[in-house]
C-alpha atoms as a PDB file:
ATOM      1  CA  MET A   1      13.773 -18.464  22.931  1.00  0.00           C
ATOM      2  CA  THR A   2      10.225 -18.059  21.599  1.00  0.00           C
ATOM      3  CA  ARG A   3       9.451 -20.039  18.454  1.00  0.00           C
ATOM      4  CA  PHE A   4       6.675 -19.047  16.081  1.00  0.00           C
ATOM      5  CA  THR A   5       4.923 -20.154  12.914  1.00  0.00           C
ATOM      6  CA  LYS A   6       3.292 -17.812  10.410  1.00  0.00           C
ATOM      7  CA  GLY A   7       0.052 -18.812   8.702  1.00  0.00           C
ATOM      8  CA  HIS A   8      -3.025 -17.398   7.016  1.00  0.00           C
ATOM      9  CA  GLY A   9      -6.602 -18.205   6.099  1.00  0.00           C
ATOM     10  CA  THR A  10      -7.662 -16.411   2.888  1.00  0.00           C
ATOM     11  CA  GLU A  11      -4.812 -13.965   3.612  1.00  0.00           C
ATOM     12  CA  ASN A  12      -6.045 -13.133   7.115  1.00  0.00           C
ATOM     13  CA  ASP A  13      -2.637 -13.749   8.693  1.00  0.00           C
ATOM     14  CA  PHE A  14      -1.474 -14.828  12.129  1.00  0.00           C
ATOM     15  CA  VAL A  15       1.624 -15.422  14.211  1.00  0.00           C
ATOM     16  CA  ILE A  16       1.237 -18.782  15.980  1.00  0.00           C
ATOM     17  CA  VAL A  17       3.072 -19.199  19.296  1.00  0.00           C
ATOM     18  CA  PRO A  18       3.075 -22.580  21.107  1.00  0.00           C
ATOM     19  CA  ASP A  19       2.714 -22.172  24.876  1.00  0.00           C
ATOM     20  CA  PRO A  20       1.411 -25.519  26.192  1.00  0.00           C
ATOM     21  CA  ASP A  21       1.741 -24.708  29.890  1.00  0.00           C
ATOM     22  CA  GLY A  22       0.360 -21.174  29.563  1.00  0.00           C
ATOM     23  CA  SER A  23       3.458 -19.493  30.980  1.00  0.00           C
ATOM     24  CA  LEU A  24       4.284 -17.070  28.161  1.00  0.00           C
ATOM     25  CA  PRO A  25       3.687 -13.394  29.051  1.00  0.00           C
ATOM     26  CA  THR A  26       1.231 -11.984  26.515  1.00  0.00           C
ATOM     27  CA  ASP A  27       0.758  -8.362  27.528  1.00  0.00           C
ATOM     28  CA  PRO A  28      -0.908  -6.225  24.830  1.00  0.00           C
ATOM     29  CA  GLU A  29       2.279  -4.259  24.123  1.00  0.00           C
ATOM     30  CA  TRP A  30       4.221  -7.439  23.349  1.00  0.00           C
ATOM     31  CA  VAL A  31       1.476  -8.835  21.115  1.00  0.00           C
ATOM     32  CA  ALA A  32       1.254  -5.550  19.230  1.00  0.00           C
ATOM     33  CA  ALA A  33       5.043  -5.513  18.772  1.00  0.00           C
ATOM     34  CA  VAL A  34       5.035  -9.054  17.357  1.00  0.00           C
ATOM     35  CA  CYS A  35       2.172  -8.212  14.968  1.00  0.00           C
ATOM     36  CA  ASP A  36       3.752  -4.934  13.813  1.00  0.00           C
ATOM     37  CA  ARG A  37       4.372  -5.227  10.057  1.00  0.00           C
ATOM     38  CA  ARG A  38       7.527  -3.100  10.112  1.00  0.00           C
ATOM     39  CA  ALA A  39       9.188  -3.691  13.470  1.00  0.00           C
ATOM     40  CA  GLY A  40       7.830  -7.185  14.196  1.00  0.00           C
ATOM     41  CA  ILE A  41       6.815 -10.349  12.353  1.00  0.00           C
ATOM     42  CA  GLY A  42       3.642  -8.770  11.006  1.00  0.00           C
ATOM     43  CA  ALA A  43       0.114 -10.192  11.312  1.00  0.00           C
ATOM     44  CA  ASP A  44      -3.555  -9.385  11.804  1.00  0.00           C
ATOM     45  CA  GLY A  45      -3.429 -11.290  15.074  1.00  0.00           C
ATOM     46  CA  LEU A  46      -1.634 -13.737  17.337  1.00  0.00           C
ATOM     47  CA  LEU A  47      -2.707 -17.321  18.106  1.00  0.00           C
ATOM     48  CA  ARG A  48      -1.325 -18.692  21.366  1.00  0.00           C
ATOM     49  CA  ILE A  49      -1.593 -22.473  21.671  1.00  0.00           C
ATOM     50  CA  VAL A  50      -2.304 -23.400  25.277  1.00  0.00           C
ATOM     51  CA  ALA A  51      -3.319 -26.693  26.852  1.00  0.00           C
ATOM     52  CA  THR A  52      -6.948 -26.032  27.760  1.00  0.00           C
ATOM     53  CA  ALA A  53      -6.378 -27.380  31.265  1.00  0.00           C
ATOM     54  CA  LYS A  54      -3.795 -24.588  31.750  1.00  0.00           C
ATOM     55  CA  MET A  55      -5.931 -21.748  30.356  1.00  0.00           C
ATOM     56  CA  SER A  56      -7.088 -19.704  33.329  1.00  0.00           C
ATOM     57  CA  GLY A  57     -10.850 -19.293  33.419  1.00  0.00           C
ATOM     58  CA  PHE A  58     -11.470 -21.886  30.719  1.00  0.00           C
ATOM     59  CA  GLU A  59     -10.166 -25.064  32.373  1.00  0.00           C
ATOM     60  CA  HIS A  60     -13.688 -26.501  32.267  1.00  0.00           C
ATOM     61  CA  GLN A  61     -13.417 -26.803  28.473  1.00  0.00           C
ATOM     62  CA  ALA A  62     -10.594 -29.357  28.869  1.00  0.00           C
ATOM     63  CA  ALA A  63     -13.140 -32.169  29.119  1.00  0.00           C
ATOM     64  CA  ASP A  64     -14.023 -31.532  25.454  1.00  0.00           C
ATOM     65  CA  ALA A  65     -10.980 -29.807  23.932  1.00  0.00           C
ATOM     66  CA  THR A  66      -7.300 -30.609  24.506  1.00  0.00           C
ATOM     67  CA  TRP A  67      -6.074 -27.287  23.116  1.00  0.00           C
ATOM     68  CA  PHE A  68      -7.250 -23.702  23.605  1.00  0.00           C
ATOM     69  CA  MET A  69      -6.929 -20.916  21.023  1.00  0.00           C
ATOM     70  CA  ASP A  70      -5.930 -17.765  22.894  1.00  0.00           C
ATOM     71  CA  TYR A  71      -6.552 -15.242  20.130  1.00  0.00           C
ATOM     72  CA  ARG A  72      -5.314 -11.639  20.278  1.00  0.00           C
ATOM     73  CA  ASN A  73      -5.981  -8.876  17.752  1.00  0.00           C
ATOM     74  CA  GLY A  74      -3.050  -7.114  16.152  1.00  0.00           C
ATOM     75  CA  ASP A  75      -3.280  -4.270  18.675  1.00  0.00           C
ATOM     76  CA  GLY A  76      -2.943  -6.725  21.558  1.00  0.00           C
ATOM     77  CA  SER A  77      -6.592  -6.749  22.612  1.00  0.00           C
ATOM     78  CA  THR A  78      -8.373 -10.056  23.179  1.00  0.00           C
ATOM     79  CA  ALA A  79     -11.201 -11.258  20.947  1.00  0.00           C
ATOM     80  CA  GLU A  80     -13.844 -13.875  21.559  1.00  0.00           C
ATOM     81  CA  MET A  81     -13.474 -15.775  18.299  1.00  0.00           C
ATOM     82  CA  CYS A  82     -11.722 -15.797  14.923  1.00  0.00           C
ATOM     83  CA  GLY A  83     -13.047 -18.049  12.156  1.00  0.00           C
ATOM     84  CA  ASN A  84      -9.964 -17.877   9.963  1.00  0.00           C
ATOM     85  CA  GLY A  85      -7.712 -18.133  12.993  1.00  0.00           C
ATOM     86  CA  VAL A  86      -9.299 -21.309  14.320  1.00  0.00           C
ATOM     87  CA  ARG A  87      -8.743 -23.036  10.938  1.00  0.00           C
ATOM     88  CA  VAL A  88      -5.068 -22.004  10.944  1.00  0.00           C
ATOM     89  CA  PHE A  89      -4.845 -23.085  14.588  1.00  0.00           C
ATOM     90  CA  ALA A  90      -6.293 -26.510  13.713  1.00  0.00           C
ATOM     91  CA  ARG A  91      -3.953 -26.908  10.717  1.00  0.00           C
ATOM     92  CA  PHE A  92      -0.978 -26.190  12.998  1.00  0.00           C
ATOM     93  CA  LEU A  93      -2.113 -28.805  15.547  1.00  0.00           C
ATOM     94  CA  VAL A  94      -2.259 -31.473  12.837  1.00  0.00           C
ATOM     95  CA  ASP A  95       0.971 -30.321  11.181  1.00  0.00           C
ATOM     96  CA  GLN A  96       2.814 -30.604  14.504  1.00  0.00           C
ATOM     97  CA  GLY A  97       1.308 -33.989  15.393  1.00  0.00           C
ATOM     98  CA  LEU A  98      -0.563 -32.536  18.358  1.00  0.00           C
ATOM     99  CA  MET A  99      -3.829 -33.823  16.872  1.00  0.00           C
ATOM    100  CA  GLU A 100      -4.642 -36.371  14.192  1.00  0.00           C
ATOM    101  CA  PRO A 101      -6.420 -35.417  10.953  1.00  0.00           C
ATOM    102  CA  GLY A 102     -10.182 -35.777  11.213  1.00  0.00           C
ATOM    103  CA  GLU A 103     -12.664 -34.280  13.640  1.00  0.00           C
ATOM    104  CA  PHE A 104     -11.682 -32.740  16.970  1.00  0.00           C
ATOM    105  CA  ALA A 105     -12.556 -29.799  19.208  1.00  0.00           C
ATOM    106  CA  VAL A 106     -10.782 -26.523  19.951  1.00  0.00           C
ATOM    107  CA  GLY A 107     -11.392 -24.386  23.029  1.00  0.00           C
ATOM    108  CA  THR A 108     -12.075 -20.680  22.503  1.00  0.00           C
ATOM    109  CA  ARG A 109     -13.439 -17.717  24.438  1.00  0.00           C
ATOM    110  CA  SER A 110     -16.625 -18.225  22.449  1.00  0.00           C
ATOM    111  CA  GLY A 111     -16.979 -21.843  23.531  1.00  0.00           C
ATOM    112  CA  VAL A 112     -15.735 -25.181  22.212  1.00  0.00           C
ATOM    113  CA  LYS A 113     -15.660 -25.364  18.411  1.00  0.00           C
ATOM    114  CA  ALA A 114     -15.731 -28.605  16.414  1.00  0.00           C
ATOM    115  CA  VAL A 115     -13.370 -28.717  13.422  1.00  0.00           C
ATOM    116  CA  ARG A 116     -12.885 -31.137  10.516  1.00  0.00           C
ATOM    117  CA  VAL A 117      -9.294 -31.194   9.309  1.00  0.00           C
ATOM    118  CA  PRO A 118      -8.399 -33.353   6.301  1.00  0.00           C
ATOM    119  CA  ALA A 119      -4.776 -34.201   5.595  1.00  0.00           C
ATOM    120  CA  ASP A 120      -5.001 -31.669   2.756  1.00  0.00           C
ATOM    121  CA  GLY A 121      -7.623 -29.207   1.592  1.00  0.00           C
ATOM    122  CA  ASP A 122     -10.145 -26.910   3.190  1.00  0.00           C
ATOM    123  CA  ILE A 123     -10.939 -27.024   6.908  1.00  0.00           C
ATOM    124  CA  THR A 124     -14.493 -26.787   8.228  1.00  0.00           C
ATOM    125  CA  VAL A 125     -15.431 -25.234  11.563  1.00  0.00           C
ATOM    126  CA  ALA A 126     -18.795 -25.383  13.318  1.00  0.00           C
ATOM    127  CA  MET A 127     -18.995 -21.724  14.306  1.00  0.00           C
ATOM    128  CA  GLY A 128     -22.095 -21.949  16.471  1.00  0.00           C
ATOM    129  CA  LYS A 129     -25.489 -20.313  16.173  1.00  0.00           C
ATOM    130  CA  PRO A 130     -25.744 -16.614  15.383  1.00  0.00           C
ATOM    131  CA  SER A 131     -27.710 -14.405  17.738  1.00  0.00           C
ATOM    132  CA  TRP A 132     -29.660 -11.336  16.756  1.00  0.00           C
ATOM    133  CA  PRO A 133     -29.443  -8.644  19.446  1.00  0.00           C
ATOM    134  CA  GLU A 134     -32.431  -6.318  19.311  1.00  0.00           C
ATOM    135  CA  ALA A 135     -30.345  -3.154  19.191  1.00  0.00           C
ATOM    136  CA  ALA A 136     -28.871  -2.184  15.823  1.00  0.00           C
ATOM    137  CA  ALA A 137     -26.823   0.819  14.793  1.00  0.00           C
ATOM    138  CA  ARG A 138     -26.457   3.239  11.955  1.00  0.00           C
ATOM    139  CA  ILE A 139     -22.931   2.993  10.589  1.00  0.00           C
ATOM    140  CA  ALA A 140     -21.014   6.007   9.270  1.00  0.00           C
ATOM    141  CA  TRP A 141     -17.882   5.796   7.118  1.00  0.00           C
ATOM    142  CA  ASN A 142     -16.097   8.014   4.608  1.00  0.00           C
ATOM    143  CA  GLY A 143     -18.856  10.624   4.620  1.00  0.00           C
ATOM    144  CA  ARG A 144     -21.608   8.037   4.133  1.00  0.00           C
ATOM    145  CA  ASP A 145     -23.982   6.303   6.508  1.00  0.00           C
ATOM    146  CA  ALA A 146     -26.426   3.396   6.422  1.00  0.00           C
ATOM    147  CA  ASP A 147     -28.431   1.129   8.678  1.00  0.00           C
ATOM    148  CA  SER A 148     -26.814  -2.152   9.667  1.00  0.00           C
ATOM    149  CA  VAL A 149     -27.873  -5.640  10.674  1.00  0.00           C
ATOM    150  CA  HIS A 150     -26.581  -6.612  14.121  1.00  0.00           C
ATOM    151  CA  VAL A 151     -25.338 -10.208  14.171  1.00  0.00           C
ATOM    152  CA  ASP A 152     -23.389 -11.755  17.038  1.00  0.00           C
ATOM    153  CA  MET A 153     -21.121 -14.719  16.261  1.00  0.00           C
ATOM    154  CA  GLY A 154     -19.614 -14.792  19.728  1.00  0.00           C
ATOM    155  CA  ASN A 155     -18.167 -11.426  18.715  1.00  0.00           C
ATOM    156  CA  PRO A 156     -20.184  -8.443  17.417  1.00  0.00           C
ATOM    157  CA  HIS A 157     -20.794  -7.636  13.750  1.00  0.00           C
ATOM    158  CA  ALA A 158     -22.566  -4.826  11.926  1.00  0.00           C
ATOM    159  CA  VAL A 159     -23.499  -5.933   8.401  1.00  0.00           C
ATOM    160  CA  VAL A 160     -24.045  -3.111   5.904  1.00  0.00           C
ATOM    161  CA  PHE A 161     -25.563  -4.028   2.538  1.00  0.00           C
ATOM    162  CA  VAL A 162     -24.188  -2.096  -0.445  1.00  0.00           C
ATOM    163  CA  ALA A 163     -24.534  -2.434  -4.225  1.00  0.00           C
ATOM    164  CA  ASP A 164     -20.775  -2.898  -4.654  1.00  0.00           C
ATOM    165  CA  VAL A 165     -18.038  -3.427  -2.061  1.00  0.00           C
ATOM    166  CA  ALA A 166     -16.171  -0.523  -3.673  1.00  0.00           C
ATOM    167  CA  GLU A 167     -18.695   1.685  -1.872  1.00  0.00           C
ATOM    168  CA  ALA A 168     -16.737   0.999   1.312  1.00  0.00           C
ATOM    169  CA  GLY A 169     -14.015   3.244  -0.081  1.00  0.00           C
ATOM    170  CA  ALA A 170     -10.598   3.478   1.548  1.00  0.00           C
ATOM    171  CA  LEU A 171     -11.131   2.030   5.007  1.00  0.00           C
ATOM    172  CA  TYR A 172      -8.242   3.790   6.701  1.00  0.00           C
ATOM    173  CA  ASP A 173     -10.305   4.879   9.682  1.00  0.00           C
ATOM    174  CA  ALA A 174     -12.713   2.853  11.758  1.00  0.00           C
ATOM    175  CA  PRO A 175     -16.396   3.359  10.936  1.00  0.00           C
ATOM    176  CA  THR A 176     -18.434   4.965  13.687  1.00  0.00           C
ATOM    177  CA  TRP A 177     -21.924   4.090  14.853  1.00  0.00           C
ATOM    178  CA  SER A 178     -24.898   5.489  16.644  1.00  0.00           C
ATOM    179  CA  PRO A 179     -26.179   5.012  19.199  1.00  0.00           C
ATOM    180  CA  ALA A 180     -22.742   4.394  20.693  1.00  0.00           C
ATOM    181  CA  THR A 181     -24.201   2.115  23.371  1.00  0.00           C
ATOM    182  CA  VAL A 182     -24.969  -0.652  20.843  1.00  0.00           C
ATOM    183  CA  TYR A 183     -21.324  -1.759  20.676  1.00  0.00           C
ATOM    184  CA  PRO A 184     -19.643  -0.887  23.986  1.00  0.00           C
ATOM    185  CA  ARG A 185     -16.551  -3.002  23.157  1.00  0.00           C
ATOM    186  CA  GLY A 186     -16.334  -2.062  19.479  1.00  0.00           C
ATOM    187  CA  VAL A 187     -17.581  -3.906  16.412  1.00  0.00           C
ATOM    188  CA  ASN A 188     -16.487  -5.563  13.188  1.00  0.00           C
ATOM    189  CA  VAL A 189     -18.169  -3.857  10.220  1.00  0.00           C
ATOM    190  CA  GLU A 190     -18.884  -5.849   7.053  1.00  0.00           C
ATOM    191  CA  PHE A 191     -19.756  -4.225   3.725  1.00  0.00           C
ATOM    192  CA  VAL A 192     -21.656  -6.846   1.738  1.00  0.00           C
ATOM    193  CA  ALA A 193     -22.688  -6.809  -1.936  1.00  0.00           C
ATOM    194  CA  PRO A 194     -24.495  -9.327  -4.160  1.00  0.00           C
ATOM    195  CA  VAL A 195     -22.543 -11.339  -6.747  1.00  0.00           C
ATOM    196  CA  GLY A 196     -25.125 -13.936  -7.775  1.00  0.00           C
ATOM    197  CA  PRO A 197     -27.586 -16.438  -6.298  1.00  0.00           C
ATOM    198  CA  GLN A 198     -26.280 -17.478  -2.860  1.00  0.00           C
ATOM    199  CA  HIS A 199     -23.056 -15.642  -3.676  1.00  0.00           C
ATOM    200  CA  ILE A 200     -21.893 -12.444  -1.961  1.00  0.00           C
ATOM    201  CA  ALA A 201     -18.750 -10.316  -1.741  1.00  0.00           C
ATOM    202  CA  MET A 202     -17.502  -8.740   1.468  1.00  0.00           C
ATOM    203  CA  ARG A 203     -14.998  -6.249   2.808  1.00  0.00           C
ATOM    204  CA  VAL A 204     -14.461  -5.861   6.540  1.00  0.00           C
ATOM    205  CA  PHE A 205     -13.035  -3.429   9.045  1.00  0.00           C
ATOM    206  CA  GLU A 206     -12.055  -5.483  12.105  1.00  0.00           C
ATOM    207  CA  ARG A 207     -11.976  -3.860  15.523  1.00  0.00           C
ATOM    208  CA  GLY A 208      -8.451  -3.664  16.864  1.00  0.00           C
ATOM    209  CA  VAL A 209      -6.926  -4.384  13.448  1.00  0.00           C
ATOM    210  CA  GLY A 210      -8.332  -2.294  10.579  1.00  0.00           C
ATOM    211  CA  GLU A 211      -9.354  -3.539   7.153  1.00  0.00           C
ATOM    212  CA  THR A 212      -8.240  -7.145   6.700  1.00  0.00           C
ATOM    213  CA  ARG A 213      -8.151  -9.420   3.696  1.00  0.00           C
ATOM    214  CA  SER A 214     -10.704 -11.728   5.279  1.00  0.00           C
ATOM    215  CA  CYS A 215     -12.717 -12.388   8.430  1.00  0.00           C
ATOM    216  CA  GLY A 216     -14.253 -15.781   9.178  1.00  0.00           C
ATOM    217  CA  THR A 217     -16.798 -14.677  11.769  1.00  0.00           C
ATOM    218  CA  GLY A 218     -17.580 -11.727   9.508  1.00  0.00           C
ATOM    219  CA  ALA A 219     -18.222 -14.070   6.582  1.00  0.00           C
ATOM    220  CA  CYS A 220     -20.653 -16.016   8.776  1.00  0.00           C
ATOM    221  CA  ALA A 221     -22.419 -12.828   9.878  1.00  0.00           C
ATOM    222  CA  ALA A 222     -22.618 -11.585   6.288  1.00  0.00           C
ATOM    223  CA  MET A 223     -23.920 -14.923   5.035  1.00  0.00           C
ATOM    224  CA  ILE A 224     -26.663 -15.327   7.616  1.00  0.00           C
ATOM    225  CA  ALA A 225     -27.787 -11.703   7.220  1.00  0.00           C
ATOM    226  CA  ALA A 226     -27.958 -12.219   3.439  1.00  0.00           C
ATOM    227  CA  ALA A 227     -29.724 -15.575   3.823  1.00  0.00           C
ATOM    228  CA  ARG A 228     -32.374 -14.044   6.072  1.00  0.00           C
ATOM    229  CA  ARG A 229     -32.848 -11.182   3.640  1.00  0.00           C
ATOM    230  CA  ASP A 230     -33.084 -13.638   0.720  1.00  0.00           C
ATOM    231  CA  GLY A 231     -35.428 -16.011   2.525  1.00  0.00           C
ATOM    232  CA  ALA A 232     -32.993 -18.897   1.984  1.00  0.00           C
ATOM    233  CA  ALA A 233     -33.792 -22.129   3.800  1.00  0.00           C
ATOM    234  CA  PRO A 234     -31.311 -23.817   6.158  1.00  0.00           C
ATOM    235  CA  GLY A 235     -28.971 -26.067   4.211  1.00  0.00           C
ATOM    236  CA  THR A 236     -28.522 -23.514   1.422  1.00  0.00           C
ATOM    237  CA  PRO A 237     -24.771 -22.978   0.971  1.00  0.00           C
ATOM    238  CA  TYR A 238     -23.428 -19.501   0.314  1.00  0.00           C
ATOM    239  CA  THR A 239     -20.161 -18.470  -1.299  1.00  0.00           C
ATOM    240  CA  VAL A 240     -18.459 -15.463   0.281  1.00  0.00           C
ATOM    241  CA  ASP A 241     -15.765 -13.699  -1.739  1.00  0.00           C
ATOM    242  CA  VAL A 242     -13.263 -11.707   0.310  1.00  0.00           C
ATOM    243  CA  PRO A 243     -10.210  -9.787  -0.926  1.00  0.00           C
ATOM    244  CA  GLY A 244      -7.993 -12.695   0.149  1.00  0.00           C
ATOM    245  CA  GLY A 245      -9.951 -15.533  -1.453  1.00  0.00           C
ATOM    246  CA  ARG A 246     -13.185 -17.462  -1.086  1.00  0.00           C
ATOM    247  CA  LEU A 247     -15.058 -19.001   1.831  1.00  0.00           C
ATOM    248  CA  LYS A 248     -18.110 -21.239   2.044  1.00  0.00           C
ATOM    249  CA  VAL A 249     -20.780 -20.913   4.739  1.00  0.00           C
ATOM    250  CA  VAL A 250     -23.887 -23.028   5.306  1.00  0.00           C
ATOM    251  CA  GLU A 251     -26.546 -22.952   7.996  1.00  0.00           C
ATOM    252  CA  ARG A 252     -27.227 -26.457   9.272  1.00  0.00           C
ATOM    253  CA  SER A 253     -30.722 -27.630  10.148  1.00  0.00           C
ATOM    254  CA  ASP A 254     -29.913 -27.084  13.842  1.00  0.00           C
ATOM    255  CA  GLY A 255     -29.038 -23.429  13.197  1.00  0.00           C
ATOM    256  CA  VAL A 256     -25.263 -23.849  13.547  1.00  0.00           C
ATOM    257  CA  LEU A 257     -23.185 -22.125  10.855  1.00  0.00           C
ATOM    258  CA  GLU A 258     -20.360 -24.106   9.267  1.00  0.00           C
ATOM    259  CA  LEU A 259     -17.444 -22.194   7.758  1.00  0.00           C
ATOM    260  CA  SER A 260     -15.119 -23.851   5.243  1.00  0.00           C
ATOM    261  CA  GLY A 261     -11.949 -22.484   3.737  1.00  0.00           C
ATOM    262  CA  PRO A 262      -8.187 -22.851   3.369  1.00  0.00           C
ATOM    263  CA  ALA A 263      -5.581 -22.660   6.111  1.00  0.00           C
ATOM    264  CA  VAL A 264      -1.946 -22.335   5.088  1.00  0.00           C
ATOM    265  CA  LEU A 265       1.273 -22.429   7.126  1.00  0.00           C
ATOM    266  CA  VAL A 266       3.986 -20.417   5.414  1.00  0.00           C
ATOM    267  CA  ALA A 267       7.040 -19.988   7.692  1.00  0.00           C
ATOM    268  CA  ARG A 268       8.710 -20.864  10.997  1.00  0.00           C
ATOM    269  CA  GLY A 269      11.288 -19.016  13.054  1.00  0.00           C
ATOM    270  CA  GLU A 270      12.234 -17.666  16.439  1.00  0.00           C
ATOM    271  CA  LEU A 271      11.794 -14.274  18.017  1.00  0.00           C
ATOM    272  CA  LEU A 272      14.986 -12.368  18.725  1.00  0.00           C
ATOM    273  CA  GLY A 273      16.030  -9.339  20.743  1.00  0.00           C
ATOM    274  CA  ARG A 274      13.297  -7.303  22.393  1.00  0.00           C
ATOM    275  CA  LEU A 275      10.560  -9.527  20.941  1.00  0.00           C
ATOM    276  CA  ASP A 276      11.849 -12.668  22.613  1.00  0.00           C
ATOM    277  CA  VAL A 277      10.148 -13.112  25.971  1.00  0.00           C
ATOM    278  CA  GLY A 278      11.030 -16.785  26.332  1.00  0.00           C
END
């Protein structure tokens, strides 16, 4: 029997599967079946909770983080990091008594991330420093195209500034980019519009998922691209509105971006029939 919990961060939703000893088969087809919104539980992605010491290739992180977030996109592909997912992951650890409220670390494919988890309220994650790869791409979508800002938050982002997020149109199909070599493993595309001083709105097409209601790493990429464009000094907080709610991002004096927002657990159950691999 495979037990699961369903949760979301600003309506970016996840199936959470505890697997402390790392023995659960997680082939892409199974993950995609679980995340299917008609034939499965339904989610933007899957969070597997593994003891870091049992996570192959990342055992070295166990000295700093007890638990590892094995994140998979809704199509079953792996991703380096998920800002909304890591908050939901941290909320689950506290809810289940696996960690105490307060500050602790979580292992990820993008390195160890420090989180602050109060008993109630928003969770804050130190997302790391953004990098600015030299290569950038021109993004094409719905018969339009524009230059983008290439920001890497442990996973790749193409930030496109628009006057209104409605300019993104119906994001049924993945945007394309040129030159194709800029993003050999795909990219998350953010459409970012001004709302007010240090306040932006964002829509996102996530690789391996499609348009989602929110994206934590995308909010960080959008914020830092906007802050650089605005000439904002470190320590200036930004509000990022997404279709699923509101996030806060600030660049610390050391260059690390901190992401704050809600994380909600909504249901528990067990997988049955062909979805149960336990």
